[in-house]
Amino acid sequence: MPAYRRLMGDMNCLEDVTITLLAKGNIHCRRYELGADAEHYGNIFADEAQLSGTFFGDIHAKFVLLKPTSHVHGLIHTKNLTMEEGASFNGQRLDPSTTS
């Protein structure tokens, strides 16, 4: 799985993506992971998303896991959201099957 320390711009791939420092842009991938010391400004489109760092934007995923060190600001479009104790979420969860 490729790990990106810095990513500027949009990305479309069929692989898993891990951000370890800073990302600015939209990411379309199979599985997305945001490291504890990382920041991402943009949107995520993935089957699975696991966030440990700071995120500003919208998340579109089948499964979303917010780890204890995560700080998420935005909308989460998912049927399956898990927030571990300590996770911070400032936004709204939307069920994609009930929104147009």
PDB file of N, CA and C in Angstrom:
ATOM      1  N   MET A   1       0.846  -1.176   0.000  1.00  0.00           N
ATOM      2  CA  MET A   1       0.000   0.000   0.000  1.00  0.00           C
ATOM      3  C   MET A   1       0.890   1.236   0.000  1.00  0.00           C
ATOM      4  N   PRO A   2       0.705   2.124  -0.982  1.00  0.00           N
ATOM      5  CA  PRO A   2       1.519   3.330  -0.993  1.00  0.00           C
ATOM      6  C   PRO A   2       1.160   4.262   0.158  1.00  0.00           C
ATOM      7  N   ALA A   3       2.174   4.851   0.751  1.00  0.00           N
ATOM      8  CA  ALA A   3       1.973   5.845   1.811  1.00  0.00           C
ATOM      9  C   ALA A   3       2.499   7.176   1.290  1.00  0.00           C
ATOM     10  N   TYR A   4       1.698   8.208   1.420  1.00  0.00           N
ATOM     11  CA  TYR A   4       2.053   9.522   0.908  1.00  0.00           C
ATOM     12  C   TYR A   4       2.261  10.481   2.065  1.00  0.00           C
ATOM     13  N   ARG A   5       3.453  11.085   2.127  1.00  0.00           N
ATOM     14  CA  ARG A   5       3.716  12.096   3.154  1.00  0.00           C
ATOM     15  C   ARG A   5       3.021  13.397   2.775  1.00  0.00           C
ATOM     16  N   ARG A   6       3.096  13.778   1.513  1.00  0.00           N
ATOM     17  CA  ARG A   6       2.419  14.987   1.024  1.00  0.00           C
ATOM     18  C   ARG A   6       1.752  14.661  -0.305  1.00  0.00           C
ATOM     19  N   LEU A   7       0.528  15.127  -0.440  1.00  0.00           N
ATOM     20  CA  LEU A   7      -0.213  14.921  -1.680  1.00  0.00           C
ATOM     21  C   LEU A   7      -0.994  16.194  -1.971  1.00  0.00           C
ATOM     22  N   MET A   8      -0.707  16.830  -3.097  1.00  0.00           N
ATOM     23  CA  MET A   8      -1.409  18.045  -3.500  1.00  0.00           C
ATOM     24  C   MET A   8      -2.106  17.768  -4.823  1.00  0.00           C
ATOM     25  N   GLY A   9      -3.420  17.920  -4.844  1.00  0.00           N
ATOM     26  CA  GLY A   9      -4.199  17.656  -6.047  1.00  0.00           C
ATOM     27  C   GLY A   9      -5.081  16.439  -5.862  1.00  0.00           C
ATOM     28  N   ASP A  10      -5.891  16.171  -6.862  1.00  0.00           N
ATOM     29  CA  ASP A  10      -6.833  15.057  -6.793  1.00  0.00           C
ATOM     30  C   ASP A  10      -6.157  13.754  -7.195  1.00  0.00           C
ATOM     31  N   MET A  11      -6.686  12.640  -6.650  1.00  0.00           N
ATOM     32  CA  MET A  11      -6.128  11.324  -6.947  1.00  0.00           C
ATOM     33  C   MET A  11      -7.262  10.331  -7.182  1.00  0.00           C
ATOM     34  N   ASN A  12      -7.151   9.559  -8.261  1.00  0.00           N
ATOM     35  CA  ASN A  12      -8.052   8.447  -8.547  1.00  0.00           C
ATOM     36  C   ASN A  12      -7.210   7.192  -8.670  1.00  0.00           C
ATOM     37  N   CYS A  13      -7.506   6.177  -7.858  1.00  0.00           N
ATOM     38  CA  CYS A  13      -6.744   4.934  -7.967  1.00  0.00           C
ATOM     39  C   CYS A  13      -7.587   3.765  -7.469  1.00  0.00           C
ATOM     40  N   LEU A  14      -7.160   2.564  -7.791  1.00  0.00           N
ATOM     41  CA  LEU A  14      -7.849   1.351  -7.369  1.00  0.00           C
ATOM     42  C   LEU A  14      -7.166   0.718  -6.170  1.00  0.00           C
ATOM     43  N   GLU A  15      -6.185   1.403  -5.608  1.00  0.00           N
ATOM     44  CA  GLU A  15      -5.385   0.867  -4.509  1.00  0.00           C
ATOM     45  C   GLU A  15      -5.851   1.418  -3.172  1.00  0.00           C
ATOM     46  N   ASP A  16      -5.184   0.949  -2.123  1.00  0.00           N
ATOM     47  CA  ASP A  16      -5.329   1.531  -0.796  1.00  0.00           C
ATOM     48  C   ASP A  16      -4.407   2.744  -0.721  1.00  0.00           C
ATOM     49  N   VAL A  17      -4.832   3.779  -0.001  1.00  0.00           N
ATOM     50  CA  VAL A  17      -4.040   5.003   0.130  1.00  0.00           C
ATOM     51  C   VAL A  17      -3.895   5.339   1.605  1.00  0.00           C
ATOM     52  N   THR A  18      -2.657   5.635   2.019  1.00  0.00           N
ATOM     53  CA  THR A  18      -2.381   6.089   3.380  1.00  0.00           C
ATOM     54  C   THR A  18      -1.724   7.460   3.311  1.00  0.00           C
ATOM     55  N   ILE A  19      -2.274   8.425   4.066  1.00  0.00           N
ATOM     56  CA  ILE A  19      -1.704   9.765   4.154  1.00  0.00           C
ATOM     57  C   ILE A  19      -1.031   9.875   5.516  1.00  0.00           C
ATOM     58  N   THR A  20       0.262  10.232   5.521  1.00  0.00           N
ATOM     59  CA  THR A  20       1.000  10.294   6.786  1.00  0.00           C
ATOM     60  C   THR A  20       1.362  11.710   7.217  1.00  0.00           C
ATOM     61  N   LEU A  21       1.168  12.720   6.349  1.00  0.00           N
ATOM     62  CA  LEU A  21       1.518  14.085   6.743  1.00  0.00           C
ATOM     63  C   LEU A  21       0.464  15.097   6.294  1.00  0.00           C
ATOM     64  N   LEU A  22       0.351  15.387   4.991  1.00  0.00           N
ATOM     65  CA  LEU A  22      -0.555  16.433   4.524  1.00  0.00           C
ATOM     66  C   LEU A  22      -1.113  16.083   3.155  1.00  0.00           C
ATOM     67  N   ALA A  23      -2.422  16.269   2.990  1.00  0.00           N
ATOM     68  CA  ALA A  23      -3.068  16.102   1.685  1.00  0.00           C
ATOM     69  C   ALA A  23      -4.031  17.259   1.468  1.00  0.00           C
ATOM     70  N   LYS A  24      -4.022  17.783   0.242  1.00  0.00           N
ATOM     71  CA  LYS A  24      -4.987  18.802  -0.171  1.00  0.00           C
ATOM     72  C   LYS A  24      -5.538  18.363  -1.513  1.00  0.00           C
ATOM     73  N   GLY A  25      -6.809  17.971  -1.527  1.00  0.00           N
ATOM     74  CA  GLY A  25      -7.446  17.510  -2.752  1.00  0.00           C
ATOM     75  C   GLY A  25      -8.384  16.356  -2.472  1.00  0.00           C
ATOM     76  N   ASN A  26      -9.071  15.924  -3.518  1.00  0.00           N
ATOM     77  CA  ASN A  26     -10.027  14.826  -3.410  1.00  0.00           C
ATOM     78  C   ASN A  26      -9.340  13.511  -3.726  1.00  0.00           C
ATOM     79  N   ILE A  27      -9.702  12.472  -2.973  1.00  0.00           N
ATOM     80  CA  ILE A  27      -9.098  11.159  -3.168  1.00  0.00           C
ATOM     81  C   ILE A  27     -10.194  10.129  -3.399  1.00  0.00           C
ATOM     82  N   HIS A  28     -10.081   9.412  -4.522  1.00  0.00           N
ATOM     83  CA  HIS A  28     -10.951   8.283  -4.845  1.00  0.00           C
ATOM     84  C   HIS A  28     -10.069   7.039  -4.768  1.00  0.00           C
ATOM     85  N   CYS A  29     -10.394   6.104  -3.891  1.00  0.00           N
ATOM     86  CA  CYS A  29      -9.558   4.908  -3.739  1.00  0.00           C
ATOM     87  C   CYS A  29     -10.386   3.776  -3.140  1.00  0.00           C
ATOM     88  N   ARG A  30      -9.752   2.610  -3.011  1.00  0.00           N
ATOM     89  CA  ARG A  30     -10.439   1.464  -2.425  1.00  0.00           C
ATOM     90  C   ARG A  30     -10.520   1.609  -0.912  1.00  0.00           C
ATOM     91  N   ARG A  31      -9.376   1.788  -0.273  1.00  0.00           N
ATOM     92  CA  ARG A  31      -9.317   1.933   1.184  1.00  0.00           C
ATOM     93  C   ARG A  31      -8.446   3.141   1.499  1.00  0.00           C
ATOM     94  N   TYR A  32      -8.932   4.010   2.381  1.00  0.00           N
ATOM     95  CA  TYR A  32      -8.250   5.251   2.737  1.00  0.00           C
ATOM     96  C   TYR A  32      -7.881   5.206   4.211  1.00  0.00           C
ATOM     97  N   GLU A  33      -6.649   5.622   4.523  1.00  0.00           N
ATOM     98  CA  GLU A  33      -6.220   5.720   5.916  1.00  0.00           C
ATOM     99  C   GLU A  33      -5.501   7.052   6.120  1.00  0.00           C
ATOM    100  N   LEU A  34      -5.894   7.766   7.189  1.00  0.00           N
ATOM    101  CA  LEU A  34      -5.266   9.031   7.556  1.00  0.00           C
ATOM    102  C   LEU A  34      -4.531   8.822   8.863  1.00  0.00           C
ATOM    103  N   GLY A  35      -3.208   9.010   8.841  1.00  0.00           N
ATOM    104  CA  GLY A  35      -2.375   8.791  10.021  1.00  0.00           C
ATOM    105  C   GLY A  35      -2.648   9.791  11.128  1.00  0.00           C
ATOM    106  N   ALA A  36      -2.230   9.454  12.334  1.00  0.00           N
ATOM    107  CA  ALA A  36      -2.513  10.262  13.528  1.00  0.00           C
ATOM    108  C   ALA A  36      -1.922  11.667  13.446  1.00  0.00           C
ATOM    109  N   ASP A  37      -0.794  11.835  12.784  1.00  0.00           N
ATOM    110  CA  ASP A  37      -0.148  13.147  12.687  1.00  0.00           C
ATOM    111  C   ASP A  37      -0.459  13.858  11.373  1.00  0.00           C
ATOM    112  N   ALA A  38      -1.384  13.311  10.596  1.00  0.00           N
ATOM    113  CA  ALA A  38      -1.666  13.828   9.258  1.00  0.00           C
ATOM    114  C   ALA A  38      -2.871  14.760   9.247  1.00  0.00           C
ATOM    115  N   GLU A  39      -2.919  15.601   8.194  1.00  0.00           N
ATOM    116  CA  GLU A  39      -4.053  16.481   7.935  1.00  0.00           C
ATOM    117  C   GLU A  39      -4.472  16.307   6.481  1.00  0.00           C
ATOM    118  N   HIS A  40      -5.784  16.334   6.248  1.00  0.00           N
ATOM    119  CA  HIS A  40      -6.306  16.245   4.883  1.00  0.00           C
ATOM    120  C   HIS A  40      -7.407  17.285   4.721  1.00  0.00           C
ATOM    121  N   TYR A  41      -7.295  18.085   3.652  1.00  0.00           N
ATOM    122  CA  TYR A  41      -8.289  19.087   3.284  1.00  0.00           C
ATOM    123  C   TYR A  41      -8.820  18.692   1.911  1.00  0.00           C
ATOM    124  N   GLY A  42     -10.048  18.190   1.862  1.00  0.00           N
ATOM    125  CA  GLY A  42     -10.629  17.728   0.608  1.00  0.00           C
ATOM    126  C   GLY A  42     -11.712  16.714   0.895  1.00  0.00           C
ATOM    127  N   ASN A  43     -12.033  15.903  -0.096  1.00  0.00           N
ATOM    128  CA  ASN A  43     -13.080  14.898   0.050  1.00  0.00           C
ATOM    129  C   ASN A  43     -12.512  13.509  -0.191  1.00  0.00           C
ATOM    130  N   ILE A  44     -13.165  12.524   0.422  1.00  0.00           N
ATOM    131  CA  ILE A  44     -12.768  11.126   0.273  1.00  0.00           C
ATOM    132  C   ILE A  44     -13.927  10.360  -0.345  1.00  0.00           C
ATOM    133  N   PHE A  45     -13.605   9.510  -1.322  1.00  0.00           N
ATOM    134  CA  PHE A  45     -14.553   8.582  -1.924  1.00  0.00           C
ATOM    135  C   PHE A  45     -13.881   7.212  -1.875  1.00  0.00           C
ATOM    136  N   ALA A  46     -14.361   6.322  -1.000  1.00  0.00           N
ATOM    137  CA  ALA A  46     -13.683   5.036  -0.796  1.00  0.00           C
ATOM    138  C   ALA A  46     -14.685   3.987  -0.323  1.00  0.00           C
ATOM    139  N   ASP A  47     -14.282   2.725  -0.419  1.00  0.00           N
ATOM    140  CA  ASP A  47     -15.086   1.661   0.187  1.00  0.00           C
ATOM    141  C   ASP A  47     -14.959   1.726   1.703  1.00  0.00           C
ATOM    142  N   GLU A  48     -13.729   1.902   2.186  1.00  0.00           N
ATOM    143  CA  GLU A  48     -13.462   1.977   3.622  1.00  0.00           C
ATOM    144  C   GLU A  48     -12.582   3.187   3.906  1.00  0.00           C
ATOM    145  N   ALA A  49     -12.856   3.848   5.040  1.00  0.00           N
ATOM    146  CA  ALA A  49     -12.035   4.986   5.456  1.00  0.00           C
ATOM    147  C   ALA A  49     -11.755   4.868   6.946  1.00  0.00           C
ATOM    148  N   GLN A  50     -10.477   4.947   7.297  1.00  0.00           N
ATOM    149  CA  GLN A  50     -10.056   4.915   8.702  1.00  0.00           C
ATOM    150  C   GLN A  50      -9.247   6.175   8.963  1.00  0.00           C
ATOM    151  N   LEU A  51      -9.723   6.990   9.913  1.00  0.00           N
ATOM    152  CA  LEU A  51      -9.082   8.274  10.170  1.00  0.00           C
ATOM    153  C   LEU A  51      -8.566   8.344  11.593  1.00  0.00           C
ATOM    154  N   SER A  52      -7.296   8.730  11.717  1.00  0.00           N
ATOM    155  CA  SER A  52      -6.673   8.957  13.020  1.00  0.00           C
ATOM    156  C   SER A  52      -6.215  10.401  13.168  1.00  0.00           C
ATOM    157  N   GLY A  53      -6.150  11.136  12.069  1.00  0.00           N
ATOM    158  CA  GLY A  53      -5.655  12.507  12.084  1.00  0.00           C
ATOM    159  C   GLY A  53      -6.763  13.532  11.946  1.00  0.00           C
ATOM    160  N   THR A  54      -6.413  14.717  11.418  1.00  0.00           N
ATOM    161  CA  THR A  54      -7.347  15.835  11.275  1.00  0.00           C
ATOM    162  C   THR A  54      -7.828  15.908   9.834  1.00  0.00           C
ATOM    163  N   PHE A  55      -9.142  15.991   9.666  1.00  0.00           N
ATOM    164  CA  PHE A  55      -9.750  15.966   8.336  1.00  0.00           C
ATOM    165  C   PHE A  55     -10.794  17.066   8.208  1.00  0.00           C
ATOM    166  N   PHE A  56     -10.727  17.820   7.096  1.00  0.00           N
ATOM    167  CA  PHE A  56     -11.719  18.841   6.765  1.00  0.00           C
ATOM    168  C   PHE A  56     -12.278  18.522   5.387  1.00  0.00           C
ATOM    169  N   GLY A  57     -13.550  18.158   5.316  1.00  0.00           N
ATOM    170  CA  GLY A  57     -14.175  17.852   4.039  1.00  0.00           C
ATOM    171  C   GLY A  57     -15.283  16.842   4.218  1.00  0.00           C
ATOM    172  N   ASP A  58     -15.693  16.241   3.107  1.00  0.00           N
ATOM    173  CA  ASP A  58     -16.755  15.243   3.128  1.00  0.00           C
ATOM    174  C   ASP A  58     -16.176  13.859   2.874  1.00  0.00           C
ATOM    175  N   ILE A  59     -16.777  12.874   3.523  1.00  0.00           N
ATOM    176  CA  ILE A  59     -16.364  11.484   3.371  1.00  0.00           C
ATOM    177  C   ILE A  59     -17.538  10.708   2.787  1.00  0.00           C
ATOM    178  N   HIS A  60     -17.280   9.973   1.708  1.00  0.00           N
ATOM    179  CA  HIS A  60     -18.269   9.090   1.089  1.00  0.00           C
ATOM    180  C   HIS A  60     -17.661   7.689   1.126  1.00  0.00           C
ATOM    181  N   ALA A  61     -18.174   6.821   1.993  1.00  0.00           N
ATOM    182  CA  ALA A  61     -17.594   5.482   2.125  1.00  0.00           C
ATOM    183  C   ALA A  61     -18.635   4.510   2.663  1.00  0.00           C
ATOM    184  N   LYS A  62     -18.444   3.230   2.358  1.00  0.00           N
ATOM    185  CA  LYS A  62     -19.338   2.198   2.896  1.00  0.00           C
ATOM    186  C   LYS A  62     -19.119   2.019   4.390  1.00  0.00           C
ATOM    187  N   PHE A  63     -17.862   2.075   4.812  1.00  0.00           N
ATOM    188  CA  PHE A  63     -17.501   1.910   6.220  1.00  0.00           C
ATOM    189  C   PHE A  63     -16.546   3.031   6.619  1.00  0.00           C
ATOM    190  N   VAL A  64     -16.807   3.666   7.767  1.00  0.00           N
ATOM    191  CA  VAL A  64     -15.939   4.733   8.270  1.00  0.00           C
ATOM    192  C   VAL A  64     -15.614   4.437   9.726  1.00  0.00           C
ATOM    193  N   LEU A  65     -14.321   4.488  10.049  1.00  0.00           N
ATOM    194  CA  LEU A  65     -13.852   4.293  11.423  1.00  0.00           C
ATOM    195  C   LEU A  65     -13.081   5.534  11.844  1.00  0.00           C
ATOM    196  N   LEU A  66     -13.541   6.176  12.927  1.00  0.00           N
ATOM    197  CA  LEU A  66     -12.836   7.320  13.499  1.00  0.00           C
ATOM    198  C   LEU A  66     -12.103   6.845  14.741  1.00  0.00           C
ATOM    199  N   LYS A  67     -10.784   6.905  14.696  1.00  0.00           N
ATOM    200  CA  LYS A  67      -9.935   6.453  15.799  1.00  0.00           C
ATOM    201  C   LYS A  67      -9.877   7.529  16.889  1.00  0.00           C
ATOM    202  N   PRO A  68      -9.381   7.192  18.083  1.00  0.00           N
ATOM    203  CA  PRO A  68      -9.396   8.137  19.215  1.00  0.00           C
ATOM    204  C   PRO A  68      -8.688   9.466  18.965  1.00  0.00           C
ATOM    205  N   THR A  69      -7.697   9.503  18.091  1.00  0.00           N
ATOM    206  CA  THR A  69      -6.952  10.743  17.836  1.00  0.00           C
ATOM    207  C   THR A  69      -7.517  11.550  16.670  1.00  0.00           C
ATOM    208  N   SER A  70      -8.632  11.111  16.091  1.00  0.00           N
ATOM    209  CA  SER A  70      -9.180  11.790  14.912  1.00  0.00           C
ATOM    210  C   SER A  70      -9.958  13.045  15.286  1.00  0.00           C
ATOM    211  N   HIS A  71      -9.885  14.027  14.372  1.00  0.00           N
ATOM    212  CA  HIS A  71     -10.658  15.270  14.459  1.00  0.00           C
ATOM    213  C   HIS A  71     -11.243  15.492  13.067  1.00  0.00           C
ATOM    214  N   VAL A  72     -12.533  15.238  12.915  1.00  0.00           N
ATOM    215  CA  VAL A  72     -13.175  15.283  11.607  1.00  0.00           C
ATOM    216  C   VAL A  72     -14.191  16.421  11.575  1.00  0.00           C
ATOM    217  N   HIS A  73     -14.107  17.242  10.507  1.00  0.00           N
ATOM    218  CA  HIS A  73     -15.006  18.380  10.317  1.00  0.00           C
ATOM    219  C   HIS A  73     -15.634  18.251   8.938  1.00  0.00           C
ATOM    220  N   GLY A  74     -16.946  17.985   8.874  1.00  0.00           N
ATOM    221  CA  GLY A  74     -17.622  17.879   7.589  1.00  0.00           C
ATOM    222  C   GLY A  74     -18.738  16.866   7.628  1.00  0.00           C
ATOM    223  N   LEU A  75     -19.167  16.454   6.452  1.00  0.00           N
ATOM    224  CA  LEU A  75     -20.240  15.478   6.321  1.00  0.00           C
ATOM    225  C   LEU A  75     -19.652  14.091   6.103  1.00  0.00           C
ATOM    226  N   ILE A  76     -20.278  13.099   6.713  1.00  0.00           N
ATOM    227  CA  ILE A  76     -19.894  11.709   6.480  1.00  0.00           C
ATOM    228  C   ILE A  76     -21.100  10.998   5.879  1.00  0.00           C
ATOM    229  N   HIS A  77     -20.956  10.570   4.623  1.00  0.00           N
ATOM    230  CA  HIS A  77     -22.007   9.846   3.919  1.00  0.00           C
ATOM    231  C   HIS A  77     -21.686   8.356   4.037  1.00  0.00           C
ATOM    232  N   THR A  78     -22.362   7.658   4.940  1.00  0.00           N
ATOM    233  CA  THR A  78     -22.098   6.237   5.143  1.00  0.00           C
ATOM    234  C   THR A  78     -23.261   5.581   5.856  1.00  0.00           C
ATOM    235  N   LYS A  79     -23.373   4.274   5.677  1.00  0.00           N
ATOM    236  CA  LYS A  79     -24.332   3.490   6.463  1.00  0.00           C
ATOM    237  C   LYS A  79     -23.679   2.974   7.734  1.00  0.00           C
ATOM    238  N   ASN A  80     -22.349   2.886   7.736  1.00  0.00           N
ATOM    239  CA  ASN A  80     -21.628   2.269   8.848  1.00  0.00           C
ATOM    240  C   ASN A  80     -20.550   3.205   9.380  1.00  0.00           C
ATOM    241  N   LEU A  81     -20.843   3.881  10.487  1.00  0.00           N
ATOM    242  CA  LEU A  81     -19.891   4.785  11.130  1.00  0.00           C
ATOM    243  C   LEU A  81     -19.577   4.258  12.522  1.00  0.00           C
ATOM    244  N   THR A  82     -18.290   4.081  12.805  1.00  0.00           N
ATOM    245  CA  THR A  82     -17.836   3.690  14.139  1.00  0.00           C
ATOM    246  C   THR A  82     -16.912   4.775  14.660  1.00  0.00           C
ATOM    247  N   MET A  83     -17.225   5.274  15.851  1.00  0.00           N
ATOM    248  CA  MET A  83     -16.378   6.278  16.508  1.00  0.00           C
ATOM    249  C   MET A  83     -15.827   5.665  17.784  1.00  0.00           C
ATOM    250  N   GLU A  84     -14.509   5.534  17.841  1.00  0.00           N
ATOM    251  CA  GLU A  84     -13.890   5.041  19.063  1.00  0.00           C
ATOM    252  C   GLU A  84     -13.841   6.168  20.089  1.00  0.00           C
ATOM    253  N   GLU A  85     -13.806   5.800  21.369  1.00  0.00           N
ATOM    254  CA  GLU A  85     -13.788   6.789  22.447  1.00  0.00           C
ATOM    255  C   GLU A  85     -12.611   7.737  22.268  1.00  0.00           C
ATOM    256  N   GLY A  86     -12.892   9.032  22.318  1.00  0.00           N
ATOM    257  CA  GLY A  86     -11.871  10.055  22.131  1.00  0.00           C
ATOM    258  C   GLY A  86     -11.921  10.709  20.763  1.00  0.00           C
ATOM    259  N   ALA A  87     -12.593  10.070  19.793  1.00  0.00           N
ATOM    260  CA  ALA A  87     -12.709  10.649  18.453  1.00  0.00           C
ATOM    261  C   ALA A  87     -13.557  11.913  18.501  1.00  0.00           C
ATOM    262  N   SER A  88     -13.201  12.896  17.669  1.00  0.00           N
ATOM    263  CA  SER A  88     -13.923  14.162  17.606  1.00  0.00           C
ATOM    264  C   SER A  88     -14.548  14.301  16.220  1.00  0.00           C
ATOM    265  N   PHE A  89     -15.861  14.544  16.170  1.00  0.00           N
ATOM    266  CA  PHE A  89     -16.581  14.688  14.906  1.00  0.00           C
ATOM    267  C   PHE A  89     -17.477  15.910  14.985  1.00  0.00           C
ATOM    268  N   ASN A  90     -17.184  16.912  14.150  1.00  0.00           N
ATOM    269  CA  ASN A  90     -17.969  18.135  14.079  1.00  0.00           C
ATOM    270  C   ASN A  90     -18.599  18.182  12.693  1.00  0.00           C
ATOM    271  N   GLY A  91     -19.828  17.701  12.599  1.00  0.00           N
ATOM    272  CA  GLY A  91     -20.497  17.661  11.308  1.00  0.00           C
ATOM    273  C   GLY A  91     -21.758  16.848  11.399  1.00  0.00           C
ATOM    274  N   GLN A  92     -22.069  16.157  10.310  1.00  0.00           N
ATOM    275  CA  GLN A  92     -23.295  15.381  10.262  1.00  0.00           C
ATOM    276  C   GLN A  92     -23.052  14.094   9.500  1.00  0.00           C
ATOM    277  N   ARG A  93     -23.662  13.012   9.998  1.00  0.00           N
ATOM    278  CA  ARG A  93     -23.640  11.734   9.292  1.00  0.00           C
ATOM    279  C   ARG A  93     -24.912  11.640   8.470  1.00  0.00           C
ATOM    280  N   LEU A  94     -24.759  11.310   7.202  1.00  0.00           N
ATOM    281  CA  LEU A  94     -25.893  11.145   6.305  1.00  0.00           C
ATOM    282  C   LEU A  94     -25.903   9.726   5.773  1.00  0.00           C
ATOM    283  N   ASP A  95     -27.075   9.100   5.756  1.00  0.00           N
ATOM    284  CA  ASP A  95     -27.230   7.761   5.191  1.00  0.00           C
ATOM    285  C   ASP A  95     -27.414   7.920   3.687  1.00  0.00           C
ATOM    286  N   PRO A  96     -26.496   7.394   2.874  1.00  0.00           N
ATOM    287  CA  PRO A  96     -26.582   7.602   1.430  1.00  0.00           C
ATOM    288  C   PRO A  96     -27.855   7.037   0.809  1.00  0.00           C
ATOM    289  N   SER A  97     -28.482   6.055   1.443  1.00  0.00           N
ATOM    290  CA  SER A  97     -29.693   5.470   0.867  1.00  0.00           C
ATOM    291  C   SER A  97     -30.920   6.355   1.082  1.00  0.00           C
ATOM    292  N   THR A  98     -30.817   7.359   1.968  1.00  0.00           N
ATOM    293  CA  THR A  98     -31.962   8.234   2.228  1.00  0.00           C
ATOM    294  C   THR A  98     -31.736   9.663   1.756  1.00  0.00           C
ATOM    295  N   THR A  99     -30.571   9.944   1.165  1.00  0.00           N
ATOM    296  CA  THR A  99     -30.295  11.289   0.652  1.00  0.00           C
ATOM    297  C   THR A  99     -30.199  11.240  -0.858  1.00  0.00           C
ATOM    298  N   SER A 100     -30.531  12.319  -1.487  1.00  0.00           N
ATOM    299  CA  SER A 100     -30.463  12.346  -2.954  1.00  0.00           C
ATOM    300  C   SER A 100     -29.318  13.202  -3.424  1.00  0.00           C
TER     301      SER A 100
END
